[in-house]
Amino acid sequence: MSNYNEQLDRNNSHSTIDLEASRELKSKHRKDEERQNYTQPSPKFNSSVSELSDGPSGNFQMTSDEYEEERMHVFKVMTALKNYPNHMSMMINRVDRNFLKLTPEHRQMLPDFSDRLHRLKAAIKTNTDFINTILSSCDQVFVNSDVANRSDLDLANASINDKTLQPSLTKMDIDKVITTLKQFYRDWSKEGQKERDLCYKPILDSIQSYYSNSTLRSSIKILVPGCGLARLAFELAREGYTCQGNEFSMYMLLASNFILNSGSDVYQHTIYPWVHSQLNCWSVEDQFTPVRIPDVCPDSLPKPGNFSMTAGDFLIVYKDDNNQWDCVTTCYFIDTAHNIIEYIECINRILKPGGLWINFGPLLYHFAEICNEFSIELTYADIIKIMTKDLKFELLEERNIPSTYIENPNSMLTYQYHCAFFVARKTIL
């Protein structure tokens, strides 16, 4: 459910990824046709890719203006990642200033507060080092473009000290950095297993049930749009299916590039996903709970693997993929649409006759109540009616499943969604 093209083939655990129209903040009304291919380097396997894949939709070209716009967006994302420690330093300074405003008597009641600030600084430093490691893996990310290469990273580094080079960043940009850290907790930590099981397990169980008679799992093609850090797509590929993830957010793309290709061992990295807020903490230890990632080896796919990813707007990337997919799984995704009917139509078009659509998620509608954003907010009943009456899907099963999304399990405050889970079959003509 991230607000996140060429084909990313993961044969022998090597991944290449397609990027199409991946601007995080672009107008959703604009039907950009460009696509950039990018590869995810792996230190264990030879990842130099000389050939260019056309991706799902065929050949493409970018104009010079589109290329510059794409490059500036990637540069802004990199700059936001590089500004994480500066933003967090402002938070620490605010906490420190407010503590010093207390009377001496009140400060004496908190004898360990200074130590808490030191721990906070140390945790932020650990997160910063991890973010820099992600960025260091971004050299020549794209196969057929020099967008997101070392020179872009060098410019982002330079902008930290030279504000004239720095793009305008908003609180939302920094919030996306923090959300990315939390996504690592959700998708690639042992601690996130419980939350993953709430939403991924019903999907995995259904796929195994409906395709239990398949003699060759690799013949089953499964698409996972809005795949975030790609754990669900990874698990499907690990089960032997041919799986492709699709993601729009450049934050998620850079992060998934790193986690899938820049390590061959478990628990290589430590992060502190819950240090960014002082609110609703039972104890200071809850705020400083470390999380080690990844909990599985990204190289553990069966060989030959059949895992790929595309980057970009789902509607654009798959506009010509008619009758190509055996199964489409949407997890915390369909409510990212401006017009959810377009999503439903696209899923219907790209599924093979008799193919399955498996959905899990709420209807938060990301663009609802945002000024100047087009957004159609349908009820669940509306969606089922369009699926079954207008597009003739056969609804095989549906149920309400409670779920959380990147929630701190030790917080006083948690949000719970009552998610719609359904399995539907495209009409066999």
Protein backbone atom coordinates (compact mmCIF):
# COMPACT_ATOMS: atom_id res chain seq x y z
CA MET A 1 0.00 0.00 0.00
CA SER A 2 2.79 2.26 -0.62
CA ASN A 3 2.19 5.53 -2.42
CA TYR A 4 5.17 3.94 -4.69
CA ASN A 5 10.20 -0.51 -16.36
CA GLU A 6 11.82 -2.78 -17.39
CA GLN A 7 11.71 -6.28 -16.18
CA LEU A 8 13.51 -7.23 -13.00
CA ASP A 9 14.53 -10.83 -13.57
CA ARG A 10 15.74 -12.65 -10.52
CA ASN A 11 17.36 -15.68 -12.10
CA ASN A 12 20.03 -17.11 -9.84
CA SER A 13 19.01 -14.47 -7.28
CA HIS A 14 19.95 -11.55 -9.55
CA SER A 15 17.33 -8.83 -9.92
CA THR A 16 16.75 -6.24 -12.58
CA ILE A 17 13.84 -3.85 -12.32
CA ASP A 18 11.78 -1.81 -14.79
CA LEU A 19 10.84 1.75 -14.05
CA GLU A 20 7.97 3.46 -15.78
CA ALA A 21 6.49 6.84 -14.85
CA SER A 22 7.77 6.49 -11.32
CA ARG A 23 7.40 10.07 -10.16
CA GLU A 24 6.19 10.00 -6.58
CA LEU A 25 4.36 13.33 -6.82
CA LYS A 26 3.41 13.46 -10.49
CA SER A 27 -0.13 14.32 -11.50
CA LYS A 28 -2.07 11.08 -11.76
CA HIS A 29 -4.08 12.48 -14.68
CA ARG A 30 -1.02 12.60 -16.90
CA LYS A 31 -0.63 9.48 -19.00
CA ASP A 32 3.14 9.31 -19.22
CA GLU A 33 4.36 6.62 -21.58
CA GLU A 34 8.03 6.65 -20.69
CA ARG A 35 9.84 3.86 -18.95
CA GLN A 36 13.35 3.42 -17.63
CA ASN A 37 14.97 0.09 -17.06
CA TYR A 38 17.05 -0.43 -13.99
CA THR A 39 19.11 -3.20 -12.54
CA GLN A 40 19.67 -4.05 -8.92
CA PRO A 41 23.30 -4.97 -8.33
CA SER A 42 24.13 -8.07 -6.32
CA PRO A 43 27.58 -8.56 -4.81
CA LYS A 44 27.23 -12.32 -4.87
CA PHE A 45 26.11 -12.76 -8.48
CA ASN A 46 27.28 -11.08 -11.63
CA SER A 47 24.72 -8.34 -12.17
CA SER A 48 26.10 -6.45 -15.12
CA VAL A 49 23.25 -6.23 -17.61
CA SER A 50 24.10 -5.14 -21.12
CA GLU A 51 20.84 -5.93 -22.84
CA LEU A 52 17.76 -3.73 -22.41
CA SER A 53 14.38 -5.27 -21.79
CA ASP A 54 11.32 -3.70 -23.37
CA GLY A 55 9.29 -4.61 -20.29
CA PRO A 56 5.62 -5.56 -20.37
CA SER A 57 4.49 -2.78 -22.69
CA GLY A 58 7.10 -2.77 -25.44
CA ASN A 59 9.55 -0.10 -26.58
CA PHE A 60 9.59 3.41 -25.16
CA GLN A 61 11.43 6.70 -25.33
CA MET A 62 11.72 9.68 -23.01
CA THR A 63 11.86 13.28 -24.14
CA SER A 64 14.59 15.50 -22.72
CA ASP A 65 12.04 17.28 -20.52
CA GLU A 66 10.68 13.99 -19.18
CA TYR A 67 14.19 12.76 -18.55
CA GLU A 68 15.05 15.90 -16.59
CA GLU A 69 11.82 15.68 -14.60
CA GLU A 70 12.56 12.05 -13.74
CA ARG A 71 16.09 12.89 -12.72
CA MET A 72 14.99 15.77 -10.51
CA HIS A 73 12.47 13.55 -8.76
CA VAL A 74 15.08 10.89 -8.02
CA PHE A 75 17.45 13.61 -6.81
CA LYS A 76 14.73 14.93 -4.47
CA VAL A 77 14.16 11.45 -3.02
CA MET A 78 17.89 10.97 -2.48
CA THR A 79 18.13 14.42 -0.86
CA ALA A 80 15.24 13.61 1.48
CA LEU A 81 17.03 10.42 2.53
CA LYS A 82 20.27 12.35 3.10
CA ASN A 83 18.38 14.96 5.18
CA TYR A 84 17.03 12.38 7.63
CA PRO A 85 19.70 13.08 10.30
CA ASN A 86 19.21 16.87 10.00
CA HIS A 87 15.48 16.52 10.49
CA MET A 88 15.92 14.20 13.44
CA SER A 89 18.50 16.54 14.95
CA MET A 90 15.84 19.26 15.03
CA MET A 91 13.54 16.88 16.89
CA ILE A 92 16.25 16.05 19.43
CA ASN A 93 17.04 19.74 19.93
CA ARG A 94 13.37 20.47 20.56
CA VAL A 95 13.17 17.72 23.19
CA ASP A 96 16.35 19.02 24.81
CA ARG A 97 15.15 22.64 24.84
CA ASN A 98 11.86 21.68 26.41
CA PHE A 99 13.62 19.64 29.08
CA LEU A 100 15.82 22.61 29.98
CA LYS A 101 12.71 24.76 30.41
CA LEU A 102 11.69 22.63 33.36
CA THR A 103 12.40 23.90 36.82
CA PRO A 104 15.51 22.43 38.51
CA GLU A 105 13.23 20.50 40.82
CA HIS A 106 11.41 18.89 37.90
CA ARG A 107 14.62 18.09 36.07
CA GLN A 108 15.88 16.27 39.17
CA MET A 109 12.83 14.01 38.91
CA LEU A 110 14.18 12.82 35.55
CA PRO A 111 17.79 11.91 36.34
CA ASP A 112 18.12 9.62 33.30
CA PHE A 113 16.80 12.08 30.74
CA SER A 114 20.22 13.14 29.45
CA ASP A 115 21.14 9.51 28.95
CA ARG A 116 17.90 9.07 27.01
CA LEU A 117 18.93 11.85 24.63
CA HIS A 118 22.30 10.20 24.09
CA ARG A 119 20.56 6.93 23.27
CA LEU A 120 18.25 8.76 20.90
CA LYS A 121 21.21 10.31 19.08
CA ALA A 122 22.91 6.91 18.86
CA ALA A 123 19.76 5.28 17.43
CA ILE A 124 19.39 8.04 14.84
CA LYS A 125 23.04 7.58 13.91
CA THR A 126 22.41 3.85 13.37
CA ASN A 127 19.41 4.62 11.15
CA THR A 128 21.44 7.21 9.26
CA ASP A 129 24.22 4.72 8.59
CA PHE A 130 21.64 2.27 7.28
CA ILE A 131 20.11 4.88 4.97
CA ASN A 132 23.56 5.75 3.64
CA THR A 133 24.14 2.06 2.97
CA ILE A 134 20.94 1.98 0.94
CA LEU A 135 22.07 4.99 -1.05
CA SER A 136 25.50 3.50 -1.63
CA SER A 137 23.82 0.62 -3.50
CA CYS A 138 22.17 3.01 -5.95
CA ASP A 139 25.10 3.44 -8.33
CA GLN A 140 23.75 3.01 -11.84
CA VAL A 141 20.45 1.60 -10.66
CA PHE A 142 18.79 1.88 -14.05
CA VAL A 143 19.93 -0.26 -16.94
CA ASN A 144 19.18 2.12 -19.80
CA SER A 145 19.49 5.47 -18.06
CA ASP A 146 21.94 7.30 -15.85
CA VAL A 147 19.13 8.47 -13.56
CA ALA A 148 19.85 7.54 -9.92
CA ASN A 149 23.56 7.03 -10.46
CA ARG A 150 26.62 7.98 -8.45
CA SER A 151 26.64 11.58 -9.71
CA ASP A 152 23.06 12.08 -8.48
CA LEU A 153 24.09 10.74 -5.08
CA ASP A 154 27.16 13.02 -5.04
CA LEU A 155 24.91 15.99 -5.78
CA ALA A 156 22.54 14.96 -2.97
CA ASN A 157 25.54 14.77 -0.62
CA ALA A 158 26.72 18.21 -1.72
CA SER A 159 23.26 19.71 -1.18
CA ILE A 160 23.47 18.97 2.55
CA ASN A 161 26.12 21.69 2.93
CA ASP A 162 25.05 23.89 0.00
CA LYS A 163 21.38 24.76 0.33
CA THR A 164 21.33 26.37 -3.12
CA LEU A 165 21.63 22.87 -4.57
CA GLN A 166 18.87 21.43 -2.41
CA PRO A 167 15.35 20.93 -3.76
CA SER A 168 12.46 22.13 -1.67
CA LEU A 169 11.66 19.42 0.87
CA THR A 170 8.45 19.15 2.86
CA LYS A 171 7.58 17.32 6.04
CA MET A 172 5.87 14.75 3.83
CA ASP A 173 9.19 13.97 2.14
CA ILE A 174 10.85 13.23 5.49
CA ASP A 175 7.79 11.28 6.64
CA LYS A 176 8.27 9.00 3.64
CA VAL A 177 11.83 8.30 4.77
CA ILE A 178 10.55 7.34 8.22
CA THR A 179 7.81 5.20 6.67
CA THR A 180 10.44 3.42 4.59
CA LEU A 181 12.32 2.45 7.77
CA LYS A 182 9.08 1.13 9.26
CA GLN A 183 8.42 -0.86 6.09
CA PHE A 184 11.67 -2.73 6.68
CA TYR A 185 10.27 -3.73 10.09
CA ARG A 186 7.03 -4.91 8.46
CA ASP A 187 8.45 -6.78 5.50
CA TRP A 188 11.93 -7.98 6.46
CA SER A 189 12.14 -8.51 10.22
CA LYS A 190 11.25 -11.38 12.51
CA GLU A 191 9.27 -8.93 14.63
CA GLY A 192 7.10 -8.03 11.62
CA GLN A 193 6.10 -11.64 11.01
CA LYS A 194 2.86 -11.34 12.99
CA GLU A 195 1.70 -8.35 10.97
CA ARG A 196 2.74 -10.01 7.70
CA ASP A 197 0.82 -13.16 8.62
CA LEU A 198 -2.38 -11.14 9.04
CA CYS A 199 -2.38 -10.03 5.42
CA TYR A 200 0.07 -12.14 3.41
CA LYS A 201 -0.87 -15.56 4.81
CA PRO A 202 -4.51 -15.52 3.56
CA ILE A 203 -3.19 -14.66 0.09
CA LEU A 204 -0.47 -17.31 0.14
CA ASP A 205 -2.85 -19.94 1.49
CA SER A 206 -5.43 -19.16 -1.19
CA ILE A 207 -2.90 -19.38 -4.01
CA GLN A 208 -1.63 -22.72 -2.77
CA SER A 209 -5.21 -23.97 -2.45
CA TYR A 210 -6.47 -22.85 -5.85
CA TYR A 211 -3.33 -23.97 -7.66
CA SER A 212 -2.76 -27.16 -5.68
CA ASN A 213 -3.17 -29.30 -8.81
CA SER A 214 -0.56 -27.41 -10.80
CA THR A 215 2.25 -29.81 -11.66
CA LEU A 216 4.67 -26.98 -12.37
CA ARG A 217 4.35 -23.90 -10.17
CA SER A 218 6.70 -21.89 -12.36
CA SER A 219 4.04 -22.02 -15.08
CA ILE A 220 1.71 -19.92 -12.87
CA LYS A 221 2.29 -16.19 -13.47
CA ILE A 222 1.38 -13.98 -10.51
CA LEU A 223 1.42 -10.17 -10.42
CA VAL A 224 1.69 -8.16 -7.18
CA PRO A 225 1.02 -4.44 -7.82
CA GLY A 226 1.89 -2.00 -5.02
CA CYS A 227 4.39 -4.49 -3.65
CA GLY A 228 6.35 -2.03 -1.44
CA LEU A 229 9.53 -3.74 -0.27
CA ALA A 230 8.51 -6.86 -2.18
CA ARG A 231 8.23 -9.43 0.61
CA LEU A 232 4.93 -10.89 -0.63
CA ALA A 233 6.27 -11.15 -4.19
CA PHE A 234 9.48 -12.67 -2.81
CA GLU A 235 7.53 -15.29 -0.83
CA LEU A 236 5.48 -16.25 -3.89
CA ALA A 237 8.66 -16.65 -5.93
CA ARG A 238 10.18 -18.67 -3.10
CA GLU A 239 7.19 -21.02 -3.36
CA GLY A 240 8.15 -21.60 -6.98
CA TYR A 241 5.64 -19.41 -8.79
CA THR A 242 6.65 -16.98 -11.52
CA CYS A 243 6.03 -13.69 -9.75
CA GLN A 244 6.38 -10.03 -10.64
CA GLY A 245 6.04 -7.11 -8.26
CA ASN A 246 5.12 -3.58 -9.30
CA GLU A 247 5.86 -0.44 -7.27
CA PHE A 248 5.42 3.29 -7.81
CA SER A 249 7.28 4.91 -4.90
CA MET A 250 10.93 5.76 -5.54
CA TYR A 251 11.57 5.43 -1.79
CA MET A 252 10.32 1.85 -1.91
CA LEU A 253 12.20 1.14 -5.15
CA LEU A 254 15.57 2.25 -3.81
CA ALA A 255 14.94 0.34 -0.58
CA SER A 256 13.84 -2.87 -2.31
CA ASN A 257 16.83 -2.59 -4.64
CA PHE A 258 19.02 -2.65 -1.57
CA ILE A 259 17.36 -5.41 0.44
CA LEU A 260 17.01 -7.81 -2.50
CA ASN A 261 20.47 -7.43 -3.93
CA SER A 262 22.98 -6.02 -1.46
CA GLY A 263 23.34 -8.88 0.96
CA SER A 264 23.49 -12.64 1.15
CA ASP A 265 23.04 -13.19 4.88
CA VAL A 266 20.38 -12.78 7.54
CA TYR A 267 20.35 -10.06 10.21
CA GLN A 268 23.08 -7.99 8.58
CA HIS A 269 21.57 -4.64 9.56
CA THR A 270 20.03 -3.06 12.65
CA ILE A 271 17.49 -0.23 12.62
CA TYR A 272 15.40 1.61 15.19
CA PRO A 273 11.99 2.15 13.55
CA TRP A 274 10.20 3.59 16.60
CA VAL A 275 12.54 6.40 17.72
CA HIS A 276 10.79 9.10 15.71
CA SER A 277 8.02 9.84 18.18
CA GLN A 278 7.89 10.38 21.93
CA LEU A 279 4.15 9.68 22.05
CA ASN A 280 2.27 6.72 23.53
CA CYS A 281 5.35 4.96 24.93
CA TRP A 282 4.89 2.58 27.85
CA SER A 283 8.59 2.84 28.57
CA VAL A 284 11.71 4.27 27.03
CA GLU A 285 12.81 0.76 26.10
CA ASP A 286 9.85 0.44 23.73
CA GLN A 287 11.07 3.48 21.85
CA PHE A 288 14.58 2.05 21.52
CA THR A 289 13.66 -1.49 20.50
CA PRO A 290 16.15 -2.53 17.79
CA VAL A 291 15.08 -4.51 14.75
CA ARG A 292 17.52 -6.66 12.78
CA ILE A 293 16.98 -7.30 9.08
CA PRO A 294 16.56 -9.26 6.92
CA ASP A 295 15.06 -12.25 8.69
CA VAL A 296 15.50 -14.41 5.59
CA CYS A 297 18.29 -14.54 3.07
CA PRO A 298 17.26 -12.70 -0.12
CA ASP A 299 19.36 -15.23 -2.05
CA SER A 300 17.18 -18.10 -0.83
CA LEU A 301 14.98 -18.27 -3.93
CA PRO A 302 14.98 -21.65 -5.65
CA LYS A 303 17.23 -21.87 -8.67
CA PRO A 304 16.33 -21.14 -11.34
CA GLY A 305 14.35 -18.32 -9.74
CA ASN A 306 11.57 -16.54 -11.56
CA PHE A 307 11.15 -13.24 -9.72
CA SER A 308 10.83 -9.87 -11.43
CA MET A 309 9.68 -6.34 -10.63
CA THR A 310 8.47 -3.33 -12.54
CA ALA A 311 8.50 0.25 -11.33
CA GLY A 312 5.86 2.81 -12.16
CA ASP A 313 2.17 3.55 -12.48
CA PHE A 314 0.27 0.26 -12.52
CA LEU A 315 -2.20 1.51 -15.13
CA ILE A 316 0.58 2.58 -17.50
CA VAL A 317 2.98 -0.30 -17.01
CA TYR A 318 0.36 -2.96 -17.74
CA LYS A 319 -1.81 -1.12 -20.25
CA ASP A 320 -0.96 -3.62 -23.02
CA ASP A 321 -0.68 -6.81 -20.92
CA ASN A 322 -3.98 -8.28 -22.09
CA ASN A 323 -4.73 -11.82 -20.86
CA GLN A 324 -1.20 -12.32 -19.55
CA TRP A 325 -1.53 -13.21 -15.85
CA ASP A 326 -2.90 -16.27 -14.07
CA CYS A 327 -3.33 -14.37 -10.80
CA VAL A 328 -3.23 -10.77 -9.56
CA THR A 329 -2.85 -10.23 -5.82
CA THR A 330 -3.60 -6.78 -4.40
CA CYS A 331 -2.59 -6.22 -0.78
CA TYR A 332 -3.26 -2.76 0.67
CA PHE A 333 -3.30 -1.47 -2.88
CA ILE A 334 -6.65 -0.80 -4.56
CA ASP A 335 -7.37 2.28 -2.44
CA THR A 336 -4.26 4.00 -3.85
CA ALA A 337 -6.23 4.71 -7.04
CA HIS A 338 -7.63 8.05 -8.08
CA ASN A 339 -10.35 6.10 -9.84
CA ILE A 340 -10.65 2.58 -8.47
CA ILE A 341 -12.81 1.53 -11.42
CA GLU A 342 -9.74 1.91 -13.66
CA TYR A 343 -7.84 -0.47 -11.39
CA ILE A 344 -10.65 -3.03 -11.54
CA GLU A 345 -10.86 -2.77 -15.32
CA CYS A 346 -7.09 -3.12 -15.67
CA ILE A 347 -7.01 -6.22 -13.45
CA ASN A 348 -9.84 -7.74 -15.47
CA ARG A 349 -8.04 -6.98 -18.74
CA ILE A 350 -4.63 -8.39 -17.79
CA LEU A 351 -5.93 -11.61 -16.22
CA LYS A 352 -6.20 -14.67 -18.38
CA PRO A 353 -9.74 -16.06 -18.76
CA GLY A 354 -10.34 -18.01 -15.57
CA GLY A 355 -7.55 -16.11 -13.78
CA LEU A 356 -7.83 -15.19 -10.11
CA TRP A 357 -7.90 -11.78 -8.41
CA ILE A 358 -7.04 -12.10 -4.71
CA ASN A 359 -7.47 -8.90 -2.68
CA PHE A 360 -6.67 -7.90 0.89
CA GLY A 361 -7.00 -4.41 2.33
CA PRO A 362 -9.12 -1.49 3.52
CA LEU A 363 -10.56 1.44 1.56
CA LEU A 364 -8.60 4.37 2.99
CA TYR A 365 -8.46 6.14 -0.41
CA HIS A 366 -5.15 7.97 -0.41
CA PHE A 367 -6.31 11.01 -2.35
CA ALA A 368 -9.57 11.59 -0.50
CA GLU A 369 -9.94 15.08 0.98
CA ILE A 370 -6.67 16.28 -0.60
CA CYS A 371 -7.11 19.67 -2.22
CA ASN A 372 -7.07 19.63 -6.05
CA GLU A 373 -6.75 15.84 -6.22
CA PHE A 374 -9.25 13.78 -8.19
CA SER A 375 -10.56 10.91 -6.10
CA ILE A 376 -13.49 8.51 -6.40
CA GLU A 377 -14.33 6.83 -3.08
CA LEU A 378 -16.56 3.82 -3.57
CA THR A 379 -17.98 1.54 -0.91
CA TYR A 380 -17.04 -2.11 -0.78
CA ALA A 381 -20.55 -2.95 -2.01
CA ASP A 382 -19.99 -0.67 -5.03
CA ILE A 383 -16.77 -2.51 -5.85
CA ILE A 384 -18.35 -5.95 -5.59
CA LYS A 385 -21.24 -4.81 -7.80
CA ILE A 386 -18.87 -3.50 -10.50
CA MET A 387 -16.81 -6.70 -10.33
CA THR A 388 -19.66 -9.17 -10.48
CA LYS A 389 -22.43 -7.37 -12.38
CA ASP A 390 -20.54 -5.13 -14.80
CA LEU A 391 -17.32 -7.09 -15.37
CA LYS A 392 -18.76 -10.54 -14.66
CA PHE A 393 -16.17 -11.70 -12.12
CA GLU A 394 -17.25 -14.80 -10.21
CA LEU A 395 -16.86 -14.13 -6.47
CA LEU A 396 -15.45 -17.34 -5.01
CA GLU A 397 -14.98 -16.25 -1.39
CA GLU A 398 -14.93 -13.16 0.78
CA ARG A 399 -14.48 -12.32 4.43
CA ASN A 400 -13.56 -9.54 6.86
CA ILE A 401 -10.06 -9.93 8.37
CA PRO A 402 -8.66 -7.54 11.02
CA SER A 403 -5.16 -6.24 10.23
CA THR A 404 -2.66 -3.56 11.18
CA TYR A 405 -0.15 -1.68 9.02
CA ILE A 406 3.38 -0.80 10.22
CA GLU A 407 2.15 -0.48 13.79
CA ASN A 408 4.47 -0.44 16.79
CA PRO A 409 3.28 -3.49 18.75
CA ASN A 410 4.40 -1.88 22.02
CA SER A 411 2.64 1.45 21.51
CA MET A 412 -0.32 2.62 23.58
CA LEU A 413 -2.02 3.52 20.30
CA THR A 414 -2.65 1.17 17.38
CA TYR A 415 -4.95 1.40 14.39
CA GLN A 416 -6.75 -1.70 13.20
CA TYR A 417 -8.32 -2.11 9.79
CA HIS A 418 -11.16 -4.52 9.09
CA CYS A 419 -9.86 -5.57 5.71
CA ALA A 420 -11.80 -6.93 2.79
CA PHE A 421 -10.41 -10.25 1.65
CA PHE A 422 -11.86 -11.81 -1.47
CA VAL A 423 -11.01 -14.22 -4.24
CA ALA A 424 -12.66 -13.64 -7.64
CA ARG A 425 -12.34 -15.43 -10.96
CA LYS A 426 -12.36 -13.75 -14.36
CA THR A 427 -15.07 -15.04 -16.65
CA ILE A 428 -14.00 -17.81 -19.02
CA LEU A 429 -15.20 -16.76 -22.47
